[in-house]
Amino acid sequence: MPQKATPMIFKRALGRRFDDLHPRLRRRFGFEQSCVGTGTMTEIWRGGRHTVPFLKLGTNRNILFPETGTDIPFTIENHVYQDSFGRDVVTFVRTFDVRPGLRRRFDATMIYSEERGQIVDYLGTHQHIAVDLHPEVDQQGGLRIRSGEQRFRLAGLDFRLPQALTGTADLHEWYDDQHECFRIRVTVSNPRFGPIFGYHGTFTAQYVDTPVPAAVKPYREEARE
């Protein structure tokens, strides 16, 4: 049975720059323990009506969703384990209580790819989309992550997704010493259609040593990176 791991994916991707992160981010992205963050997204937004069909497609695989709102309860679960291929994995499962009786999730599992020499992010419940991630450290010790090439993986299908059909993600996370919380801002945009989806808000983190919940793991795992 796969065993719990201690992935070093961000340490490896950032190299010496990892030490430039704020101490709270070094702990959070060091993944020596599972981390569960809870807080509130000040706003969840989307682009114009033309973005709705695209966002609705994502709800079937816990990738994106069309709902918007303010002051949305939020949870992020980062658990560490080894998948069925023996790779060290970190979950990034974000849950948004968008309204009473309706929750939306944005699921991802990350590995460090030796072959590609960078982080690969598998999106959704079935890992059909693999995305290269490019992390950087800002001047205040915050973490900036930009998405790069995206590849579709399913059965015998294996191809690079053109930019016109994808959303490019820009994530910025930092620690607010004054208010003692993490702050996060995410924007997903398309080169043709502009801003598609995004959210921003705050959360606090709790570090736990518990079995990895089955609910945060993908239904299907993809070996191709």
C-alpha atoms as a PDB file:
ATOM      1  CA  MET A   1       0.000   0.000   0.000  1.00  0.00           C
ATOM      2  CA  PRO A   2       1.361   3.508  -0.813  1.00  0.00           C
ATOM      3  CA  GLN A   3       3.047   5.113   2.174  1.00  0.00           C
ATOM      4  CA  LYS A   4       3.019   8.673   3.376  1.00  0.00           C
ATOM      5  CA  ALA A   5       5.876  10.710   1.933  1.00  0.00           C
ATOM      6  CA  THR A   6       7.546  14.043   2.520  1.00  0.00           C
ATOM      7  CA  PRO A   7       7.676  15.626  -0.945  1.00  0.00           C
ATOM      8  CA  MET A   8      10.310  18.282  -1.560  1.00  0.00           C
ATOM      9  CA  ILE A   9       8.709  19.510  -4.744  1.00  0.00           C
ATOM     10  CA  PHE A  10       8.924  23.253  -4.071  1.00  0.00           C
ATOM     11  CA  LYS A  11      12.365  23.005  -2.491  1.00  0.00           C
ATOM     12  CA  ARG A  12      13.601  21.256  -5.608  1.00  0.00           C
ATOM     13  CA  ALA A  13      11.848  23.606  -8.025  1.00  0.00           C
ATOM     14  CA  LEU A  14      13.017  26.792  -6.282  1.00  0.00           C
ATOM     15  CA  GLY A  15      16.485  25.622  -5.273  1.00  0.00           C
ATOM     16  CA  ARG A  16      18.256  28.147  -3.059  1.00  0.00           C
ATOM     17  CA  ARG A  17      15.391  30.599  -3.483  1.00  0.00           C
ATOM     18  CA  PHE A  18      13.248  28.391  -1.246  1.00  0.00           C
ATOM     19  CA  ASP A  19      15.107  29.838   1.748  1.00  0.00           C
ATOM     20  CA  ASP A  20      13.975  33.334   0.688  1.00  0.00           C
ATOM     21  CA  LEU A  21      10.351  32.465   1.373  1.00  0.00           C
ATOM     22  CA  HIS A  22       8.714  33.888   4.484  1.00  0.00           C
ATOM     23  CA  PRO A  23       9.220  31.375   7.343  1.00  0.00           C
ATOM     24  CA  ARG A  24       5.491  30.624   7.422  1.00  0.00           C
ATOM     25  CA  LEU A  25       5.546  29.791   3.701  1.00  0.00           C
ATOM     26  CA  ARG A  26       8.693  27.700   4.092  1.00  0.00           C
ATOM     27  CA  ARG A  27       6.843  25.557   6.596  1.00  0.00           C
ATOM     28  CA  ARG A  28       3.683  25.385   4.537  1.00  0.00           C
ATOM     29  CA  PHE A  29       5.407  24.467   1.282  1.00  0.00           C
ATOM     30  CA  GLY A  30       8.026  22.249   2.890  1.00  0.00           C
ATOM     31  CA  PHE A  31       5.279  19.629   3.387  1.00  0.00           C
ATOM     32  CA  GLU A  32       6.875  17.931   6.359  1.00  0.00           C
ATOM     33  CA  GLN A  33       3.293  17.642   7.613  1.00  0.00           C
ATOM     34  CA  SER A  34      -0.117  17.787   6.053  1.00  0.00           C
ATOM     35  CA  CYS A  35      -1.603  21.276   6.144  1.00  0.00           C
ATOM     36  CA  VAL A  36      -5.278  22.206   6.330  1.00  0.00           C
ATOM     37  CA  GLY A  37      -6.113  25.868   5.798  1.00  0.00           C
ATOM     38  CA  THR A  38      -9.465  27.446   6.591  1.00  0.00           C
ATOM     39  CA  GLY A  39     -10.610  30.970   5.876  1.00  0.00           C
ATOM     40  CA  THR A  40     -12.744  33.184   3.680  1.00  0.00           C
ATOM     41  CA  MET A  41     -12.460  34.218   0.076  1.00  0.00           C
ATOM     42  CA  THR A  42     -13.303  37.898  -0.040  1.00  0.00           C
ATOM     43  CA  GLU A  43     -14.470  37.498  -3.623  1.00  0.00           C
ATOM     44  CA  ILE A  44     -14.874  34.800  -6.238  1.00  0.00           C
ATOM     45  CA  TRP A  45     -15.407  36.242  -9.700  1.00  0.00           C
ATOM     46  CA  ARG A  46     -15.625  35.180 -13.322  1.00  0.00           C
ATOM     47  CA  GLY A  47     -15.424  36.831 -16.704  1.00  0.00           C
ATOM     48  CA  GLY A  48     -18.390  37.636 -18.937  1.00  0.00           C
ATOM     49  CA  ARG A  49     -21.229  35.325 -19.905  1.00  0.00           C
ATOM     50  CA  HIS A  50     -19.053  33.786 -22.607  1.00  0.00           C
ATOM     51  CA  THR A  51     -16.951  32.124 -19.882  1.00  0.00           C
ATOM     52  CA  VAL A  52     -19.866  30.239 -18.280  1.00  0.00           C
ATOM     53  CA  PRO A  53     -19.936  27.180 -20.632  1.00  0.00           C
ATOM     54  CA  PHE A  54     -16.175  26.733 -20.174  1.00  0.00           C
ATOM     55  CA  LEU A  55     -16.422  26.992 -16.393  1.00  0.00           C
ATOM     56  CA  LYS A  56     -19.402  24.625 -16.214  1.00  0.00           C
ATOM     57  CA  LEU A  57     -17.360  21.954 -17.974  1.00  0.00           C
ATOM     58  CA  GLY A  58     -14.908  22.063 -15.107  1.00  0.00           C
ATOM     59  CA  THR A  59     -17.498  21.221 -12.452  1.00  0.00           C
ATOM     60  CA  ASN A  60     -17.647  17.587 -13.631  1.00  0.00           C
ATOM     61  CA  ARG A  61     -13.986  17.075 -12.738  1.00  0.00           C
ATOM     62  CA  ASN A  62     -13.556  19.519  -9.829  1.00  0.00           C
ATOM     63  CA  ILE A  63     -11.465  22.003 -11.821  1.00  0.00           C
ATOM     64  CA  LEU A  64     -13.392  25.279 -12.264  1.00  0.00           C
ATOM     65  CA  PHE A  65     -16.949  26.449 -11.622  1.00  0.00           C
ATOM     66  CA  PRO A  66     -19.180  29.355 -12.718  1.00  0.00           C
ATOM     67  CA  GLU A  67     -20.538  30.544  -9.342  1.00  0.00           C
ATOM     68  CA  THR A  68     -19.413  33.874  -7.913  1.00  0.00           C
ATOM     69  CA  GLY A  69     -19.835  35.622  -4.587  1.00  0.00           C
ATOM     70  CA  THR A  70     -18.279  37.416  -1.647  1.00  0.00           C
ATOM     71  CA  ASP A  71     -17.198  36.246   1.800  1.00  0.00           C
ATOM     72  CA  ILE A  72     -17.146  32.595   0.754  1.00  0.00           C
ATOM     73  CA  PRO A  73     -16.015  29.995   3.363  1.00  0.00           C
ATOM     74  CA  PHE A  74     -12.896  28.274   2.066  1.00  0.00           C
ATOM     75  CA  THR A  75     -10.766  25.237   2.885  1.00  0.00           C
ATOM     76  CA  ILE A  76      -7.507  24.078   1.322  1.00  0.00           C
ATOM     77  CA  GLU A  77      -6.125  20.608   2.050  1.00  0.00           C
ATOM     78  CA  ASN A  78      -2.483  19.803   1.369  1.00  0.00           C
ATOM     79  CA  HIS A  79      -1.814  16.153   2.137  1.00  0.00           C
ATOM     80  CA  VAL A  80       1.313  14.180   1.280  1.00  0.00           C
ATOM     81  CA  TYR A  81       1.509  10.565   0.132  1.00  0.00           C
ATOM     82  CA  GLN A  82       2.938   8.231  -2.489  1.00  0.00           C
ATOM     83  CA  ASP A  83       0.655   7.410  -5.394  1.00  0.00           C
ATOM     84  CA  SER A  84       0.271   4.035  -7.098  1.00  0.00           C
ATOM     85  CA  PHE A  85       3.292   4.815  -9.296  1.00  0.00           C
ATOM     86  CA  GLY A  86       5.533   5.422  -6.268  1.00  0.00           C
ATOM     87  CA  ARG A  87       5.707   9.181  -6.806  1.00  0.00           C
ATOM     88  CA  ASP A  88       5.722  11.683  -3.952  1.00  0.00           C
ATOM     89  CA  VAL A  89       2.495  13.655  -4.270  1.00  0.00           C
ATOM     90  CA  VAL A  90       0.940  16.706  -2.632  1.00  0.00           C
ATOM     91  CA  THR A  91      -2.792  17.371  -2.838  1.00  0.00           C
ATOM     92  CA  PHE A  92      -4.138  20.871  -3.378  1.00  0.00           C
ATOM     93  CA  VAL A  93      -7.859  20.411  -2.749  1.00  0.00           C
ATOM     94  CA  ARG A  94      -9.748  23.698  -2.421  1.00  0.00           C
ATOM     95  CA  THR A  95     -13.367  23.690  -1.257  1.00  0.00           C
ATOM     96  CA  PHE A  96     -15.648  26.711  -1.600  1.00  0.00           C
ATOM     97  CA  ASP A  97     -19.056  26.887   0.116  1.00  0.00           C
ATOM     98  CA  VAL A  98     -20.457  29.120  -2.593  1.00  0.00           C
ATOM     99  CA  ARG A  99     -23.967  29.152  -1.112  1.00  0.00           C
ATOM    100  CA  PRO A 100     -26.019  27.138   1.379  1.00  0.00           C
ATOM    101  CA  GLY A 101     -26.235  23.570   0.130  1.00  0.00           C
ATOM    102  CA  LEU A 102     -23.719  24.020  -2.688  1.00  0.00           C
ATOM    103  CA  ARG A 103     -20.005  23.330  -2.452  1.00  0.00           C
ATOM    104  CA  ARG A 104     -17.535  23.540  -5.298  1.00  0.00           C
ATOM    105  CA  ARG A 105     -14.069  22.001  -5.361  1.00  0.00           C
ATOM    106  CA  PHE A 106     -10.917  22.767  -7.276  1.00  0.00           C
ATOM    107  CA  ASP A 107      -8.699  19.650  -7.081  1.00  0.00           C
ATOM    108  CA  ALA A 108      -5.073  19.204  -8.031  1.00  0.00           C
ATOM    109  CA  THR A 109      -2.210  16.846  -7.236  1.00  0.00           C
ATOM    110  CA  MET A 110       1.394  17.922  -7.722  1.00  0.00           C
ATOM    111  CA  ILE A 111       4.621  16.021  -8.274  1.00  0.00           C
ATOM    112  CA  TYR A 112       8.195  17.001  -9.098  1.00  0.00           C
ATOM    113  CA  SER A 113       8.977  15.562 -12.520  1.00  0.00           C
ATOM    114  CA  GLU A 114      12.546  14.359 -12.945  1.00  0.00           C
ATOM    115  CA  GLU A 115      11.951  14.053 -16.665  1.00  0.00           C
ATOM    116  CA  ARG A 116      10.754  17.639 -17.090  1.00  0.00           C
ATOM    117  CA  GLY A 117      12.860  19.138 -14.284  1.00  0.00           C
ATOM    118  CA  GLN A 118       9.905  21.019 -12.796  1.00  0.00           C
ATOM    119  CA  ILE A 119       6.611  20.711 -10.949  1.00  0.00           C
ATOM    120  CA  VAL A 120       3.755  19.058 -12.805  1.00  0.00           C
ATOM    121  CA  ASP A 121       0.211  19.739 -11.613  1.00  0.00           C
ATOM    122  CA  TYR A 122      -2.495  17.205 -12.448  1.00  0.00           C
ATOM    123  CA  LEU A 123      -5.858  18.951 -12.479  1.00  0.00           C
ATOM    124  CA  GLY A 124      -9.170  17.510 -11.396  1.00  0.00           C
ATOM    125  CA  THR A 125     -10.418  14.170 -10.189  1.00  0.00           C
ATOM    126  CA  HIS A 126      -9.081  12.098 -13.098  1.00  0.00           C
ATOM    127  CA  GLN A 127      -5.724  13.776 -13.861  1.00  0.00           C
ATOM    128  CA  HIS A 128      -6.656  14.254 -17.512  1.00  0.00           C
ATOM    129  CA  ILE A 129      -4.788  17.563 -17.670  1.00  0.00           C
ATOM    130  CA  ALA A 130      -1.124  17.906 -16.720  1.00  0.00           C
ATOM    131  CA  VAL A 131       0.230  21.444 -16.309  1.00  0.00           C
ATOM    132  CA  ASP A 132       3.818  22.667 -15.911  1.00  0.00           C
ATOM    133  CA  LEU A 133       4.203  25.086 -13.007  1.00  0.00           C
ATOM    134  CA  HIS A 134       6.788  27.864 -12.678  1.00  0.00           C
ATOM    135  CA  PRO A 135       7.216  29.048  -9.057  1.00  0.00           C
ATOM    136  CA  GLU A 136       9.065  32.217  -8.039  1.00  0.00           C
ATOM    137  CA  VAL A 137       9.737  34.040  -4.775  1.00  0.00           C
ATOM    138  CA  ASP A 138       8.752  37.699  -4.602  1.00  0.00           C
ATOM    139  CA  GLN A 139      10.721  40.429  -2.806  1.00  0.00           C
ATOM    140  CA  GLN A 140       8.580  40.088   0.338  1.00  0.00           C
ATOM    141  CA  GLY A 141       9.032  36.321   0.622  1.00  0.00           C
ATOM    142  CA  GLY A 142       5.719  35.463  -1.013  1.00  0.00           C
ATOM    143  CA  LEU A 143       5.249  32.654  -3.518  1.00  0.00           C
ATOM    144  CA  ARG A 144       4.170  33.288  -7.093  1.00  0.00           C
ATOM    145  CA  ILE A 145       3.191  30.360  -9.317  1.00  0.00           C
ATOM    146  CA  ARG A 146       2.428  30.689 -13.031  1.00  0.00           C
ATOM    147  CA  SER A 147       1.134  27.861 -15.169  1.00  0.00           C
ATOM    148  CA  GLY A 148       2.851  26.886 -18.401  1.00  0.00           C
ATOM    149  CA  GLU A 149       2.328  24.174 -20.989  1.00  0.00           C
ATOM    150  CA  GLN A 150      -0.785  22.042 -20.577  1.00  0.00           C
ATOM    151  CA  ARG A 151      -1.157  18.478 -21.856  1.00  0.00           C
ATOM    152  CA  PHE A 152      -4.241  16.286 -22.216  1.00  0.00           C
ATOM    153  CA  ARG A 153      -3.863  12.683 -21.076  1.00  0.00           C
ATOM    154  CA  LEU A 154      -6.604  10.075 -21.590  1.00  0.00           C
ATOM    155  CA  ALA A 155      -6.311   6.447 -22.719  1.00  0.00           C
ATOM    156  CA  GLY A 156      -4.315   6.606 -25.958  1.00  0.00           C
ATOM    157  CA  LEU A 157      -4.733  10.374 -26.339  1.00  0.00           C
ATOM    158  CA  ASP A 158      -1.714  12.484 -25.477  1.00  0.00           C
ATOM    159  CA  PHE A 159      -1.347  15.995 -26.885  1.00  0.00           C
ATOM    160  CA  ARG A 160      -0.404  19.537 -25.975  1.00  0.00           C
ATOM    161  CA  LEU A 161      -3.379  21.848 -25.491  1.00  0.00           C
ATOM    162  CA  PRO A 162      -3.194  25.073 -27.534  1.00  0.00           C
ATOM    163  CA  GLN A 163      -3.223  28.291 -25.523  1.00  0.00           C
ATOM    164  CA  ALA A 164      -6.443  29.387 -27.201  1.00  0.00           C
ATOM    165  CA  LEU A 165      -8.259  26.506 -25.481  1.00  0.00           C
ATOM    166  CA  THR A 166      -6.752  26.817 -22.025  1.00  0.00           C
ATOM    167  CA  GLY A 167      -6.667  29.140 -19.059  1.00  0.00           C
ATOM    168  CA  THR A 168      -3.341  30.412 -17.761  1.00  0.00           C
ATOM    169  CA  ALA A 169      -3.250  30.543 -13.969  1.00  0.00           C
ATOM    170  CA  ASP A 170      -1.366  33.100 -11.869  1.00  0.00           C
ATOM    171  CA  LEU A 171      -1.300  32.369  -8.140  1.00  0.00           C
ATOM    172  CA  HIS A 172       0.198  34.651  -5.498  1.00  0.00           C
ATOM    173  CA  GLU A 173       0.342  33.554  -1.870  1.00  0.00           C
ATOM    174  CA  TRP A 174       2.013  35.456   0.962  1.00  0.00           C
ATOM    175  CA  TYR A 175       1.917  35.803   4.735  1.00  0.00           C
ATOM    176  CA  ASP A 176       0.445  38.873   6.385  1.00  0.00           C
ATOM    177  CA  ASP A 177       2.386  39.385   9.632  1.00  0.00           C
ATOM    178  CA  GLN A 178       0.128  42.163  10.843  1.00  0.00           C
ATOM    179  CA  HIS A 179      -3.058  40.093  10.625  1.00  0.00           C
ATOM    180  CA  GLU A 180      -1.333  36.722  11.174  1.00  0.00           C
ATOM    181  CA  CYS A 181      -2.845  34.983   8.182  1.00  0.00           C
ATOM    182  CA  PHE A 182      -2.031  33.751   4.711  1.00  0.00           C
ATOM    183  CA  ARG A 183      -3.320  35.770   1.790  1.00  0.00           C
ATOM    184  CA  ILE A 184      -3.988  34.304  -1.622  1.00  0.00           C
ATOM    185  CA  ARG A 185      -4.932  35.704  -5.013  1.00  0.00           C
ATOM    186  CA  VAL A 186      -5.615  33.552  -8.068  1.00  0.00           C
ATOM    187  CA  THR A 187      -6.388  34.709 -11.599  1.00  0.00           C
ATOM    188  CA  VAL A 188      -7.126  32.467 -14.586  1.00  0.00           C
ATOM    189  CA  SER A 189      -7.079  34.150 -17.979  1.00  0.00           C
ATOM    190  CA  ASN A 190      -7.059  33.344 -21.671  1.00  0.00           C
ATOM    191  CA  PRO A 191      -4.998  35.213 -24.305  1.00  0.00           C
ATOM    192  CA  ARG A 192      -8.079  35.710 -26.477  1.00  0.00           C
ATOM    193  CA  PHE A 193     -10.966  36.013 -24.013  1.00  0.00           C
ATOM    194  CA  GLY A 194      -9.177  37.766 -21.153  1.00  0.00           C
ATOM    195  CA  PRO A 195      -9.914  37.102 -17.459  1.00  0.00           C
ATOM    196  CA  ILE A 196     -11.933  33.915 -16.938  1.00  0.00           C
ATOM    197  CA  PHE A 197     -12.033  33.181 -13.230  1.00  0.00           C
ATOM    198  CA  GLY A 198     -10.382  34.134  -9.976  1.00  0.00           C
ATOM    199  CA  TYR A 199     -10.588  34.567  -6.234  1.00  0.00           C
ATOM    200  CA  HIS A 200      -8.775  36.258  -3.375  1.00  0.00           C
ATOM    201  CA  GLY A 201      -8.968  36.100   0.400  1.00  0.00           C
ATOM    202  CA  THR A 202      -7.303  34.920   3.597  1.00  0.00           C
ATOM    203  CA  PHE A 203      -6.854  31.737   5.608  1.00  0.00           C
ATOM    204  CA  THR A 204      -4.984  30.300   8.577  1.00  0.00           C
ATOM    205  CA  ALA A 205      -3.204  26.940   8.611  1.00  0.00           C
ATOM    206  CA  GLN A 206      -3.212  23.941  10.903  1.00  0.00           C
ATOM    207  CA  TYR A 207      -0.579  21.203  10.585  1.00  0.00           C
ATOM    208  CA  VAL A 208      -1.731  17.648  11.166  1.00  0.00           C
ATOM    209  CA  ASP A 209      -0.356  14.115  11.212  1.00  0.00           C
ATOM    210  CA  THR A 210      -3.353  12.055  10.187  1.00  0.00           C
ATOM    211  CA  PRO A 211      -4.093   9.444   7.510  1.00  0.00           C
ATOM    212  CA  VAL A 212      -4.653  11.003   4.109  1.00  0.00           C
ATOM    213  CA  PRO A 213      -8.433  11.218   3.535  1.00  0.00           C
ATOM    214  CA  ALA A 214      -9.553   9.131   0.578  1.00  0.00           C
ATOM    215  CA  ALA A 215     -11.801  12.017  -0.492  1.00  0.00           C
ATOM    216  CA  VAL A 216      -8.840  14.230  -1.458  1.00  0.00           C
ATOM    217  CA  LYS A 217      -7.209  11.651  -3.739  1.00  0.00           C
ATOM    218  CA  PRO A 218      -8.007  11.544  -7.455  1.00  0.00           C
ATOM    219  CA  TYR A 219     -10.297   8.838  -8.782  1.00  0.00           C
ATOM    220  CA  ARG A 220      -7.758   8.035 -11.477  1.00  0.00           C
ATOM    221  CA  GLU A 221      -3.977   8.456 -11.605  1.00  0.00           C
ATOM    222  CA  GLU A 222      -1.995   9.289 -14.719  1.00  0.00           C
ATOM    223  CA  ALA A 223       1.598   8.065 -15.139  1.00  0.00           C
ATOM    224  CA  ARG A 224       2.471  10.371 -18.034  1.00  0.00           C
ATOM    225  CA  GLU A 225       3.955  13.698 -17.058  1.00  0.00           C
END
